[in-house]
C-alpha atoms as a PDB file:
ATOM      1  CA  MET A   1      22.466  -3.843   1.212  1.00  0.00           C
ATOM      2  CA  ASP A   2      23.301  -4.414   5.259  1.00  0.00           C
ATOM      3  CA  PRO A   3      24.863  -0.544   5.289  1.00  0.00           C
ATOM      4  CA  LEU A   4      21.913   0.631   3.894  1.00  0.00           C
ATOM      5  CA  LEU A   5      19.444  -0.954   6.312  1.00  0.00           C
ATOM      6  CA  ALA A   6      22.137  -0.459   9.391  1.00  0.00           C
ATOM      7  CA  ASP A   7      20.936   3.205   9.325  1.00  0.00           C
ATOM      8  CA  PRO A   8      18.513   3.609   6.896  1.00  0.00           C
ATOM      9  CA  PRO A   9      16.865   7.282   5.769  1.00  0.00           C
ATOM     10  CA  ARG A  10      13.850   7.793   6.628  1.00  0.00           C
ATOM     11  CA  HIS A  11      13.269   8.615   2.750  1.00  0.00           C
ATOM     12  CA  LEU A  12      14.294   6.318   0.002  1.00  0.00           C
ATOM     13  CA  PHE A  13      14.125   6.971  -3.379  1.00  0.00           C
ATOM     14  CA  PHE A  14      14.714   4.075  -6.539  1.00  0.00           C
ATOM     15  CA  THR A  15      15.012   5.910  -9.728  1.00  0.00           C
ATOM     16  CA  GLY A  16      16.117   5.284 -13.092  1.00  0.00           C
ATOM     17  CA  LYS A  17      15.835   4.318 -16.892  1.00  0.00           C
ATOM     18  CA  GLY A  18      13.235   1.562 -17.155  1.00  0.00           C
ATOM     19  CA  GLY A  19      14.401  -2.077 -16.656  1.00  0.00           C
ATOM     20  CA  VAL A  20      17.010  -1.195 -14.511  1.00  0.00           C
ATOM     21  CA  GLY A  21      15.308  -2.644 -11.143  1.00  0.00           C
ATOM     22  CA  LYS A  22      13.987   0.198  -9.030  1.00  0.00           C
ATOM     23  CA  THR A  23      10.868  -1.752  -8.332  1.00  0.00           C
ATOM     24  CA  THR A  24      12.856  -4.920  -7.400  1.00  0.00           C
ATOM     25  CA  LEU A  25      14.945  -2.821  -5.345  1.00  0.00           C
ATOM     26  CA  ALA A  26      12.402  -0.702  -3.675  1.00  0.00           C
ATOM     27  CA  CYS A  27      10.747  -4.097  -2.895  1.00  0.00           C
ATOM     28  CA  ALA A  28      13.094  -5.678  -1.308  1.00  0.00           C
ATOM     29  CA  THR A  29      14.218  -3.079   0.548  1.00  0.00           C
ATOM     30  CA  ALA A  30      10.668  -2.143   2.071  1.00  0.00           C
ATOM     31  CA  ILE A  31      10.451  -5.605   3.113  1.00  0.00           C
ATOM     32  CA  ALA A  32      13.511  -5.830   4.568  1.00  0.00           C
ATOM     33  CA  LEU A  33      12.746  -2.985   6.857  1.00  0.00           C
ATOM     34  CA  ALA A  34       9.612  -3.970   7.946  1.00  0.00           C
ATOM     35  CA  ASP A  35      11.079  -7.152   8.486  1.00  0.00           C
ATOM     36  CA  ARG A  36      13.468  -5.123  11.036  1.00  0.00           C
ATOM     37  CA  GLY A  37      10.112  -4.020  12.855  1.00  0.00           C
ATOM     38  CA  ARG A  38      10.315  -0.488  10.789  1.00  0.00           C
ATOM     39  CA  ARG A  39       6.723   1.077   9.803  1.00  0.00           C
ATOM     40  CA  VAL A  40       7.398   1.554   6.119  1.00  0.00           C
ATOM     41  CA  LEU A  41       5.114   2.854   3.493  1.00  0.00           C
ATOM     42  CA  LEU A  42       6.194   1.937  -0.231  1.00  0.00           C
ATOM     43  CA  VAL A  43       4.744   4.228  -3.101  1.00  0.00           C
ATOM     44  CA  SER A  44       5.186   3.743  -6.591  1.00  0.00           C
ATOM     45  CA  THR A  45       4.600   6.995  -9.042  1.00  0.00           C
ATOM     46  CA  ASP A  46       5.906   5.251 -12.019  1.00  0.00           C
ATOM     47  CA  PRO A  47       3.552   5.548 -15.055  1.00  0.00           C
ATOM     48  CA  ALA A  48       4.255   1.797 -15.492  1.00  0.00           C
ATOM     49  CA  SER A  49       4.499   0.451 -12.358  1.00  0.00           C
ATOM     50  CA  ASN A  50       4.406  -3.114 -11.864  1.00  0.00           C
ATOM     51  CA  LEU A  51       4.431  -3.052  -8.013  1.00  0.00           C
ATOM     52  CA  ASP A  52       0.820  -4.606  -7.715  1.00  0.00           C
ATOM     53  CA  GLU A  53       1.888  -7.428  -9.342  1.00  0.00           C
ATOM     54  CA  MET A  54       5.669  -7.955  -7.407  1.00  0.00           C
ATOM     55  CA  LEU A  55       3.424  -7.944  -4.532  1.00  0.00           C
ATOM     56  CA  GLY A  56       0.343  -9.408  -5.252  1.00  0.00           C
ATOM     57  CA  LEU A  57      -1.591  -6.901  -4.124  1.00  0.00           C
ATOM     58  CA  ALA A  58      -4.200  -4.734  -6.125  1.00  0.00           C
ATOM     59  CA  LEU A  59      -3.129  -1.418  -5.368  1.00  0.00           C
ATOM     60  CA  ALA A  60      -4.777   2.286  -4.944  1.00  0.00           C
ATOM     61  CA  ALA A  61      -3.976   5.749  -4.127  1.00  0.00           C
ATOM     62  CA  THR A  62      -4.308   5.155  -0.665  1.00  0.00           C
ATOM     63  CA  PRO A  63      -2.138   2.938   1.568  1.00  0.00           C
ATOM     64  CA  ARG A  64      -3.242  -0.551   1.971  1.00  0.00           C
ATOM     65  CA  PRO A  65      -1.387  -3.618   4.120  1.00  0.00           C
ATOM     66  CA  VAL A  66       0.716  -5.746   2.203  1.00  0.00           C
ATOM     67  CA  PRO A  67      -0.830  -9.059   3.315  1.00  0.00           C
ATOM     68  CA  GLY A  68       2.148 -11.743   4.948  1.00  0.00           C
ATOM     69  CA  ILE A  69       4.149  -8.505   5.540  1.00  0.00           C
ATOM     70  CA  GLU A  70       3.554  -7.168   8.961  1.00  0.00           C
ATOM     71  CA  ARG A  71       4.230  -3.211   9.245  1.00  0.00           C
ATOM     72  CA  LEU A  72       4.643  -2.700   5.260  1.00  0.00           C
ATOM     73  CA  ASP A  73       1.851  -0.576   3.473  1.00  0.00           C
ATOM     74  CA  ALA A  74       1.965   0.180  -0.171  1.00  0.00           C
ATOM     75  CA  LEU A  75       0.435   2.505  -2.707  1.00  0.00           C
ATOM     76  CA  ASN A  76       0.165   3.627  -6.687  1.00  0.00           C
ATOM     77  CA  VAL A  77       0.436   7.080  -7.292  1.00  0.00           C
ATOM     78  CA  ASP A  78      -1.986   7.258 -10.754  1.00  0.00           C
ATOM     79  CA  PRO A  79       0.124   9.765 -12.894  1.00  0.00           C
ATOM     80  CA  GLU A  80      -2.327  10.823 -14.481  1.00  0.00           C
ATOM     81  CA  GLN A  81      -4.663  11.767 -12.232  1.00  0.00           C
ATOM     82  CA  ALA A  82      -2.046  13.315  -9.915  1.00  0.00           C
ATOM     83  CA  ALA A  83      -1.215  15.698 -13.272  1.00  0.00           C
ATOM     84  CA  GLU A  84      -4.783  16.424 -13.560  1.00  0.00           C
ATOM     85  CA  ASP A  85      -4.862  17.348 -10.044  1.00  0.00           C
ATOM     86  CA  TYR A  86      -1.781  19.667 -10.095  1.00  0.00           C
ATOM     87  CA  ARG A  87      -3.195  20.925 -13.512  1.00  0.00           C
ATOM     88  CA  GLN A  88      -6.433  22.213 -11.866  1.00  0.00           C
ATOM     89  CA  ARG A  89      -4.657  23.398  -8.578  1.00  0.00           C
ATOM     90  CA  VAL A  90      -1.994  25.439 -10.960  1.00  0.00           C
ATOM     91  CA  LEU A  91      -5.089  26.613 -13.191  1.00  0.00           C
ATOM     92  CA  ALA A  92      -7.432  27.438 -10.552  1.00  0.00           C
ATOM     93  CA  PRO A  93      -6.298  31.147  -9.715  1.00  0.00           C
ATOM     94  CA  TYR A  94      -6.826  31.783 -13.513  1.00  0.00           C
ATOM     95  CA  VAL A  95     -10.161  30.553 -14.566  1.00  0.00           C
ATOM     96  CA  ASP A  96     -11.768  34.150 -14.123  1.00  0.00           C
ATOM     97  CA  THR A  97      -8.741  36.229 -14.562  1.00  0.00           C
ATOM     98  CA  VAL A  98      -8.009  35.513 -18.114  1.00  0.00           C
ATOM     99  CA  PRO A  99      -9.171  34.805 -21.560  1.00  0.00           C
ATOM    100  CA  ALA A 100     -10.410  31.290 -22.091  1.00  0.00           C
ATOM    101  CA  THR A 101      -7.751  30.849 -25.333  1.00  0.00           C
ATOM    102  CA  GLU A 102      -5.005  32.006 -22.606  1.00  0.00           C
ATOM    103  CA  LEU A 103      -6.116  29.759 -19.918  1.00  0.00           C
ATOM    104  CA  ALA A 104      -6.102  26.791 -23.186  1.00  0.00           C
ATOM    105  CA  THR A 105      -2.642  26.998 -23.558  1.00  0.00           C
ATOM    106  CA  MET A 106      -1.689  26.892 -20.302  1.00  0.00           C
ATOM    107  CA  ARG A 107      -3.580  23.888 -19.540  1.00  0.00           C
ATOM    108  CA  GLU A 108      -1.698  22.557 -22.974  1.00  0.00           C
ATOM    109  CA  GLU A 109       2.023  23.794 -21.557  1.00  0.00           C
ATOM    110  CA  LEU A 110       1.164  21.954 -18.240  1.00  0.00           C
ATOM    111  CA  SER A 111       0.450  18.818 -20.452  1.00  0.00           C
ATOM    112  CA  GLY A 112       3.875  17.031 -21.095  1.00  0.00           C
ATOM    113  CA  ALA A 113       5.525  14.286 -19.305  1.00  0.00           C
ATOM    114  CA  CYS A 114       7.464  16.689 -17.091  1.00  0.00           C
ATOM    115  CA  THR A 115       4.414  18.289 -15.690  1.00  0.00           C
ATOM    116  CA  THR A 116       3.136  14.358 -15.111  1.00  0.00           C
ATOM    117  CA  GLU A 117       6.463  13.632 -13.662  1.00  0.00           C
ATOM    118  CA  ILE A 118       6.042  16.768 -11.048  1.00  0.00           C
ATOM    119  CA  ALA A 119       2.642  16.178 -10.075  1.00  0.00           C
ATOM    120  CA  ALA A 120       3.588  12.318  -9.307  1.00  0.00           C
ATOM    121  CA  PHE A 121       5.904  13.874  -6.781  1.00  0.00           C
ATOM    122  CA  ASP A 122       4.402  16.241  -5.684  1.00  0.00           C
ATOM    123  CA  ARG A 123       1.659  13.720  -4.721  1.00  0.00           C
ATOM    124  CA  PHE A 124       4.030  11.656  -2.937  1.00  0.00           C
ATOM    125  CA  ALA A 125       5.387  14.532  -1.277  1.00  0.00           C
ATOM    126  CA  GLY A 126       2.078  15.784  -0.258  1.00  0.00           C
ATOM    127  CA  LEU A 127       1.561  11.977   1.673  1.00  0.00           C
ATOM    128  CA  LEU A 128       4.906  13.068   3.414  1.00  0.00           C
ATOM    129  CA  ALA A 129       4.204  16.241   4.404  1.00  0.00           C
ATOM    130  CA  ASP A 130       0.400  15.208   6.096  1.00  0.00           C
ATOM    131  CA  ASP A 131       1.154  14.356   9.508  1.00  0.00           C
ATOM    132  CA  ASP A 132      -1.566  12.291   9.682  1.00  0.00           C
ATOM    133  CA  GLU A 133      -0.611   9.929   6.725  1.00  0.00           C
ATOM    134  CA  SER A 134       3.372  10.201   7.381  1.00  0.00           C
ATOM    135  CA  ALA A 135       3.532   9.362  11.294  1.00  0.00           C
ATOM    136  CA  ALA A 136       2.463   5.940  11.094  1.00  0.00           C
ATOM    137  CA  TYR A 137       5.657   5.300   8.816  1.00  0.00           C
ATOM    138  CA  ASP A 138       9.384   5.223   9.908  1.00  0.00           C
ATOM    139  CA  HIS A 139      10.557   4.917   6.338  1.00  0.00           C
ATOM    140  CA  ALA A 140       8.544   5.852   3.169  1.00  0.00           C
ATOM    141  CA  VAL A 141      10.080   4.396   0.365  1.00  0.00           C
ATOM    142  CA  SER A 142       9.801   5.463  -3.518  1.00  0.00           C
ATOM    143  CA  ASN A 143       9.698   3.581  -6.645  1.00  0.00           C
ATOM    144  CA  THR A 144       9.811   5.904  -9.759  1.00  0.00           C
ATOM    145  CA  THR A 145      10.987   6.824 -12.753  1.00  0.00           C
END
């Protein structure tokens, strides 16, 4: 892990199948960066996230400091809420312009697992793009599906 930590990118993503160690590696990397004096945001977009248990902290949709680890904040993106917010944004321009049956079809087409993953990542990307939220961090570490 030393080569990664010697010159880490600003954004690090840990992804893969369930049970391969994404959460463990994301946590270890985030903690190691914080221990090296970097401000780190650790984010989970995994629907089966156990980041709360790993950190011993009830997480929410906004960053919370991780007790005992200076310079490390963490949050959980709720994929279902992110998906609903995403559907609302996508469908909003059509609410008054298309028939209700067509709108229902569009909503159904946006209800699959792919939409949930896209929406969760969209929320994470939004965090990074928001200068007010991301400027405080040297690194964002993502634990995702």
